[in-house]
Amino acid sequence: MTTEERPPKAIKKRFYRKRVPLLNLVNKIKLWPSRTGQLHGIRSVVIAGDTARVITHCNKEFLIKNSQNSRAARWLRNKWFSQVCPKCGVPDWKLQKYSSTMFKRHQGSMLTGDKDA
């Protein structure tokens, strides 16, 4: 079988806890929902104490606080967004990976330390 004849791989489901700190979650999935509903790809996250400066691929900067029940944390957990930012160019594989991610209360990684989930 050549690579063209192989069926695509099934997307692996990933499980994270619901109530993880927002900075850990953003640093892991590298996506940010803005207030306008656009989903941005993150270039870098600079953490300074309980806040962080997020720089997107479209050169927008967001100053975020480490909250578990903020608007952005809820939008990330519930996968709410109106559109993907056309300037950031978030690839399809990243959106598929994000859509297959599950947030459960009693199952999944707490996103603490250096362990990869």
N, C-alpha and C. Protein backbone atom coordinates (compact mmCIF):
# COMPACT_ATOMS: atom_id res chain seq x y z
N MET A 1 0.83 -1.18 0.00
CA MET A 1 0.00 0.00 0.00
C MET A 1 0.88 1.25 0.00
N THR A 2 0.55 2.16 -0.83
CA THR A 2 1.26 3.43 -0.82
C THR A 2 0.57 4.37 0.16
N THR A 3 1.19 5.52 0.37
CA THR A 3 0.62 6.48 1.32
C THR A 3 -0.70 7.05 0.82
N GLU A 4 -0.90 7.06 -0.48
CA GLU A 4 -2.14 7.59 -1.03
C GLU A 4 -3.32 6.66 -0.82
N GLU A 5 -3.04 5.35 -0.70
CA GLU A 5 -4.11 4.36 -0.55
C GLU A 5 -4.52 4.13 0.90
N ARG A 6 -3.71 4.57 1.84
CA ARG A 6 -4.01 4.34 3.25
C ARG A 6 -5.17 5.22 3.70
N PRO A 7 -6.05 4.66 4.51
CA PRO A 7 -7.12 5.49 5.06
C PRO A 7 -6.54 6.44 6.11
N PRO A 8 -7.15 7.60 6.31
CA PRO A 8 -6.63 8.53 7.32
C PRO A 8 -6.75 7.94 8.72
N LYS A 9 -5.81 8.34 9.57
CA LYS A 9 -5.81 7.84 10.95
C LYS A 9 -7.01 8.40 11.70
N ALA A 10 -7.53 7.60 12.60
CA ALA A 10 -8.61 8.06 13.47
C ALA A 10 -8.04 9.06 14.47
N ILE A 11 -8.79 10.10 14.73
CA ILE A 11 -8.33 11.14 15.63
C ILE A 11 -8.45 10.64 17.06
N LYS A 12 -7.34 10.69 17.79
CA LYS A 12 -7.29 10.23 19.16
C LYS A 12 -7.97 11.26 20.06
N LYS A 13 -8.83 10.80 20.95
CA LYS A 13 -9.48 11.70 21.89
C LYS A 13 -8.53 11.99 23.04
N ARG A 14 -8.51 13.26 23.44
CA ARG A 14 -7.68 13.69 24.55
C ARG A 14 -8.61 14.15 25.67
N PHE A 15 -8.24 13.83 26.89
CA PHE A 15 -9.07 14.19 28.03
C PHE A 15 -8.29 15.11 28.95
N TYR A 16 -8.90 16.24 29.29
CA TYR A 16 -8.36 17.17 30.26
C TYR A 16 -9.42 17.41 31.32
N ARG A 17 -9.00 17.78 32.51
CA ARG A 17 -9.94 18.10 33.56
C ARG A 17 -10.64 19.41 33.24
N LYS A 18 -11.85 19.55 33.74
CA LYS A 18 -12.63 20.75 33.47
C LYS A 18 -12.07 21.97 34.16
N ARG A 19 -11.65 21.83 35.38
CA ARG A 19 -11.28 22.99 36.19
C ARG A 19 -9.76 23.14 36.30
N VAL A 20 -9.08 23.17 35.17
CA VAL A 20 -7.64 23.40 35.18
C VAL A 20 -7.38 24.90 35.09
N PRO A 21 -6.26 25.37 35.57
CA PRO A 21 -5.93 26.80 35.43
C PRO A 21 -5.87 27.20 33.96
N LEU A 22 -6.36 28.38 33.66
CA LEU A 22 -6.45 28.83 32.27
C LEU A 22 -5.09 28.94 31.61
N LEU A 23 -4.08 29.39 32.33
CA LEU A 23 -2.76 29.55 31.73
C LEU A 23 -2.18 28.21 31.29
N ASN A 24 -2.40 27.17 32.07
CA ASN A 24 -1.93 25.84 31.69
C ASN A 24 -2.65 25.34 30.45
N LEU A 25 -3.95 25.58 30.38
CA LEU A 25 -4.74 25.14 29.24
C LEU A 25 -4.34 25.88 27.96
N VAL A 26 -4.19 27.19 28.05
CA VAL A 26 -3.81 27.98 26.88
C VAL A 26 -2.41 27.60 26.41
N ASN A 27 -1.51 27.38 27.36
CA ASN A 27 -0.15 27.00 27.01
C ASN A 27 -0.10 25.63 26.34
N LYS A 28 -1.05 24.77 26.65
CA LYS A 28 -1.08 23.43 26.08
C LYS A 28 -1.72 23.40 24.69
N ILE A 29 -2.89 24.03 24.52
CA ILE A 29 -3.60 23.89 23.24
C ILE A 29 -3.26 24.98 22.24
N LYS A 30 -2.65 26.08 22.70
CA LYS A 30 -2.18 27.16 21.82
C LYS A 30 -3.29 27.77 20.97
N LEU A 31 -4.48 27.93 21.55
CA LEU A 31 -5.60 28.60 20.89
C LEU A 31 -6.19 29.61 21.86
N TRP A 32 -6.73 30.72 21.33
CA TRP A 32 -7.32 31.75 22.17
C TRP A 32 -8.59 32.28 21.54
N PRO A 33 -9.73 32.23 22.26
CA PRO A 33 -10.96 32.83 21.74
C PRO A 33 -11.05 34.30 22.15
N SER A 34 -11.07 35.19 21.17
CA SER A 34 -11.18 36.62 21.50
C SER A 34 -12.62 36.96 21.84
N ARG A 35 -12.84 38.18 22.30
CA ARG A 35 -14.19 38.59 22.69
C ARG A 35 -15.13 38.68 21.51
N THR A 36 -14.58 38.87 20.31
CA THR A 36 -15.42 38.95 19.12
C THR A 36 -15.84 37.57 18.62
N GLY A 37 -15.30 36.50 19.22
CA GLY A 37 -15.67 35.15 18.82
C GLY A 37 -14.70 34.50 17.87
N GLN A 38 -13.62 35.20 17.52
CA GLN A 38 -12.63 34.60 16.63
C GLN A 38 -11.68 33.72 17.43
N LEU A 39 -11.29 32.61 16.82
CA LEU A 39 -10.34 31.69 17.44
C LEU A 39 -8.97 31.97 16.83
N HIS A 40 -8.02 32.38 17.68
CA HIS A 40 -6.69 32.75 17.23
C HIS A 40 -5.69 31.66 17.57
N GLY A 41 -4.68 31.51 16.75
CA GLY A 41 -3.55 30.65 17.04
C GLY A 41 -2.52 31.43 17.84
N ILE A 42 -1.92 30.80 18.83
CA ILE A 42 -0.99 31.49 19.73
C ILE A 42 0.44 31.22 19.30
N ARG A 43 1.20 32.31 19.17
CA ARG A 43 2.62 32.21 18.85
C ARG A 43 3.43 32.03 20.13
N SER A 44 3.15 32.86 21.15
CA SER A 44 3.92 32.74 22.39
C SER A 44 3.06 33.15 23.59
N VAL A 45 3.41 32.57 24.73
CA VAL A 45 2.77 32.88 26.00
C VAL A 45 3.87 33.23 26.98
N VAL A 46 3.83 34.44 27.53
CA VAL A 46 4.80 34.88 28.52
C VAL A 46 4.07 35.00 29.85
N ILE A 47 4.37 34.08 30.77
CA ILE A 47 3.68 34.04 32.06
C ILE A 47 4.46 34.88 33.07
N ALA A 48 3.73 35.76 33.74
CA ALA A 48 4.32 36.60 34.79
C ALA A 48 3.40 36.56 36.00
N GLY A 49 3.64 35.62 36.88
CA GLY A 49 2.82 35.48 38.07
C GLY A 49 1.45 34.91 37.74
N ASP A 50 0.40 35.66 38.08
CA ASP A 50 -0.96 35.19 37.86
C ASP A 50 -1.55 35.72 36.55
N THR A 51 -0.75 36.42 35.78
CA THR A 51 -1.20 36.92 34.47
C THR A 51 -0.24 36.44 33.39
N ALA A 52 -0.67 36.58 32.16
CA ALA A 52 0.17 36.18 31.03
C ALA A 52 -0.10 37.09 29.85
N ARG A 53 0.90 37.29 29.04
CA ARG A 53 0.76 38.05 27.80
C ARG A 53 0.78 37.04 26.65
N VAL A 54 -0.33 36.99 25.92
CA VAL A 54 -0.48 36.06 24.81
C VAL A 54 -0.29 36.84 23.52
N ILE A 55 0.59 36.36 22.65
CA ILE A 55 0.82 36.97 21.35
C ILE A 55 0.37 35.96 20.29
N THR A 56 -0.55 36.39 19.43
CA THR A 56 -1.11 35.50 18.42
C THR A 56 -0.28 35.58 17.14
N HIS A 57 -0.62 34.72 16.19
CA HIS A 57 0.08 34.72 14.91
C HIS A 57 -0.25 35.94 14.07
N CYS A 58 -1.35 36.62 14.37
CA CYS A 58 -1.71 37.84 13.65
C CYS A 58 -1.23 39.09 14.40
N ASN A 59 -0.26 38.90 15.30
CA ASN A 59 0.40 39.97 16.07
C ASN A 59 -0.53 40.75 16.99
N LYS A 60 -1.59 40.13 17.46
CA LYS A 60 -2.43 40.74 18.48
C LYS A 60 -1.92 40.28 19.84
N GLU A 61 -2.02 41.17 20.82
CA GLU A 61 -1.58 40.83 22.17
C GLU A 61 -2.77 40.88 23.11
N PHE A 62 -2.85 39.88 23.98
CA PHE A 62 -3.90 39.81 24.99
C PHE A 62 -3.24 39.63 26.34
N LEU A 63 -3.71 40.37 27.34
CA LEU A 63 -3.25 40.20 28.70
C LEU A 63 -4.34 39.43 29.43
N ILE A 64 -4.01 38.23 29.90
CA ILE A 64 -5.03 37.36 30.49
C ILE A 64 -4.67 37.04 31.94
N LYS A 65 -5.70 36.81 32.73
CA LYS A 65 -5.54 36.39 34.12
C LYS A 65 -5.78 34.89 34.22
N ASN A 66 -5.17 34.29 35.21
CA ASN A 66 -5.28 32.85 35.41
C ASN A 66 -6.57 32.55 36.17
N SER A 67 -7.65 32.31 35.42
CA SER A 67 -8.95 32.06 36.01
C SER A 67 -9.51 30.76 35.46
N GLN A 68 -10.21 30.02 36.30
CA GLN A 68 -10.79 28.76 35.85
C GLN A 68 -12.20 28.91 35.32
N ASN A 69 -12.88 30.00 35.68
CA ASN A 69 -14.26 30.15 35.24
C ASN A 69 -14.48 31.48 34.51
N SER A 70 -13.47 31.95 33.81
CA SER A 70 -13.60 33.18 33.04
C SER A 70 -14.31 32.88 31.72
N ARG A 71 -14.63 33.94 30.99
CA ARG A 71 -15.27 33.80 29.69
C ARG A 71 -14.41 32.94 28.77
N ALA A 72 -13.13 33.23 28.69
CA ALA A 72 -12.25 32.49 27.78
C ALA A 72 -12.13 31.03 28.18
N ALA A 73 -12.03 30.75 29.46
CA ALA A 73 -11.93 29.36 29.92
C ALA A 73 -13.20 28.58 29.57
N ARG A 74 -14.36 29.21 29.76
CA ARG A 74 -15.61 28.54 29.42
C ARG A 74 -15.71 28.32 27.91
N TRP A 75 -15.31 29.32 27.13
CA TRP A 75 -15.38 29.19 25.67
C TRP A 75 -14.44 28.10 25.17
N LEU A 76 -13.25 27.98 25.77
CA LEU A 76 -12.33 26.93 25.36
C LEU A 76 -12.86 25.55 25.72
N ARG A 77 -13.41 25.42 26.94
CA ARG A 77 -13.94 24.11 27.35
C ARG A 77 -15.15 23.70 26.53
N ASN A 78 -16.01 24.65 26.20
CA ASN A 78 -17.23 24.33 25.45
C ASN A 78 -17.05 24.42 23.95
N LYS A 79 -15.85 24.82 23.50
CA LYS A 79 -15.50 24.92 22.08
C LYS A 79 -16.41 25.90 21.34
N TRP A 80 -16.67 27.04 21.97
CA TRP A 80 -17.49 28.08 21.36
C TRP A 80 -16.61 29.05 20.62
N PHE A 81 -16.86 29.26 19.35
CA PHE A 81 -16.23 30.33 18.58
C PHE A 81 -17.04 30.53 17.32
N SER A 82 -17.03 31.75 16.81
CA SER A 82 -17.84 32.04 15.62
C SER A 82 -17.07 31.74 14.34
N GLN A 83 -15.77 32.04 14.34
CA GLN A 83 -14.96 31.78 13.16
C GLN A 83 -13.50 31.71 13.57
N VAL A 84 -12.69 31.20 12.67
CA VAL A 84 -11.25 31.14 12.89
C VAL A 84 -10.64 32.39 12.27
N CYS A 85 -9.69 32.98 12.94
CA CYS A 85 -9.05 34.20 12.44
C CYS A 85 -8.36 33.91 11.11
N PRO A 86 -8.70 34.65 10.05
CA PRO A 86 -8.08 34.38 8.75
C PRO A 86 -6.60 34.75 8.70
N LYS A 87 -6.17 35.68 9.54
CA LYS A 87 -4.76 36.08 9.54
C LYS A 87 -3.87 35.08 10.28
N CYS A 88 -4.43 34.44 11.30
CA CYS A 88 -3.64 33.47 12.08
C CYS A 88 -3.38 32.19 11.29
N GLY A 89 -4.34 31.77 10.48
CA GLY A 89 -4.15 30.57 9.68
C GLY A 89 -4.03 29.31 10.51
N VAL A 90 -4.98 29.10 11.40
CA VAL A 90 -4.97 27.88 12.22
C VAL A 90 -5.21 26.69 11.29
N PRO A 91 -4.30 25.70 11.28
CA PRO A 91 -4.46 24.57 10.36
C PRO A 91 -5.63 23.67 10.73
N ASP A 92 -6.12 22.94 9.73
CA ASP A 92 -7.27 22.05 9.94
C ASP A 92 -6.97 20.95 10.94
N TRP A 93 -5.74 20.41 10.94
CA TRP A 93 -5.42 19.33 11.86
C TRP A 93 -5.52 19.80 13.31
N LYS A 94 -5.18 21.08 13.55
CA LYS A 94 -5.26 21.61 14.91
C LYS A 94 -6.71 21.78 15.35
N LEU A 95 -7.57 22.21 14.41
CA LEU A 95 -8.99 22.33 14.73
C LEU A 95 -9.63 20.97 14.97
N GLN A 96 -9.22 19.95 14.20
CA GLN A 96 -9.74 18.60 14.41
C GLN A 96 -9.27 18.05 15.76
N LYS A 97 -8.02 18.32 16.09
CA LYS A 97 -7.49 17.87 17.38
C LYS A 97 -8.22 18.56 18.53
N TYR A 98 -8.49 19.85 18.37
CA TYR A 98 -9.21 20.62 19.38
C TYR A 98 -10.65 20.13 19.51
N SER A 99 -11.28 19.81 18.39
CA SER A 99 -12.67 19.35 18.45
C SER A 99 -12.79 17.95 19.07
N SER A 100 -11.72 17.17 19.02
CA SER A 100 -11.76 15.84 19.61
C SER A 100 -11.35 15.84 21.09
N THR A 101 -10.96 16.98 21.60
CA THR A 101 -10.56 17.10 23.00
C THR A 101 -11.79 17.12 23.89
N MET A 102 -11.76 16.32 24.95
CA MET A 102 -12.88 16.22 25.89
C MET A 102 -12.45 16.81 27.23
N PHE A 103 -13.36 17.54 27.85
CA PHE A 103 -13.12 18.11 29.17
C PHE A 103 -14.10 17.47 30.14
N LYS A 104 -13.55 16.66 31.06
CA LYS A 104 -14.40 15.95 32.01
C LYS A 104 -14.00 16.33 33.43
N ARG A 105 -14.95 16.16 34.33
CA ARG A 105 -14.73 16.58 35.71
C ARG A 105 -13.81 15.63 36.47
N HIS A 106 -13.97 14.33 36.27
CA HIS A 106 -13.21 13.36 37.06
C HIS A 106 -12.23 12.55 36.24
N GLN A 107 -11.93 12.97 35.02
CA GLN A 107 -11.05 12.17 34.19
C GLN A 107 -10.17 13.10 33.37
N GLY A 108 -8.92 12.74 33.22
CA GLY A 108 -8.03 13.50 32.36
C GLY A 108 -6.88 14.14 33.10
N SER A 109 -6.02 14.78 32.32
CA SER A 109 -4.84 15.41 32.87
C SER A 109 -5.20 16.72 33.56
N MET A 110 -4.50 17.01 34.65
CA MET A 110 -4.69 18.28 35.35
C MET A 110 -3.81 19.37 34.76
N LEU A 111 -2.97 19.02 33.78
CA LEU A 111 -2.05 19.95 33.13
C LEU A 111 -1.13 20.64 34.11
N THR A 112 -0.61 19.88 35.05
CA THR A 112 0.37 20.41 35.98
C THR A 112 1.69 19.71 35.74
N GLY A 113 2.76 20.41 35.90
CA GLY A 113 4.09 19.83 35.72
C GLY A 113 4.45 19.66 34.27
N ASP A 114 5.42 18.79 34.01
CA ASP A 114 5.95 18.60 32.67
C ASP A 114 5.35 17.41 31.94
N LYS A 115 4.41 16.71 32.57
CA LYS A 115 3.82 15.53 31.93
C LYS A 115 3.00 15.93 30.73
N ASP A 116 3.13 15.18 29.65
CA ASP A 116 2.32 15.39 28.45
C ASP A 116 1.09 14.52 28.53
N ALA A 117 -0.05 15.09 28.21
CA ALA A 117 -1.31 14.33 28.28
C ALA A 117 -1.55 13.55 27.03
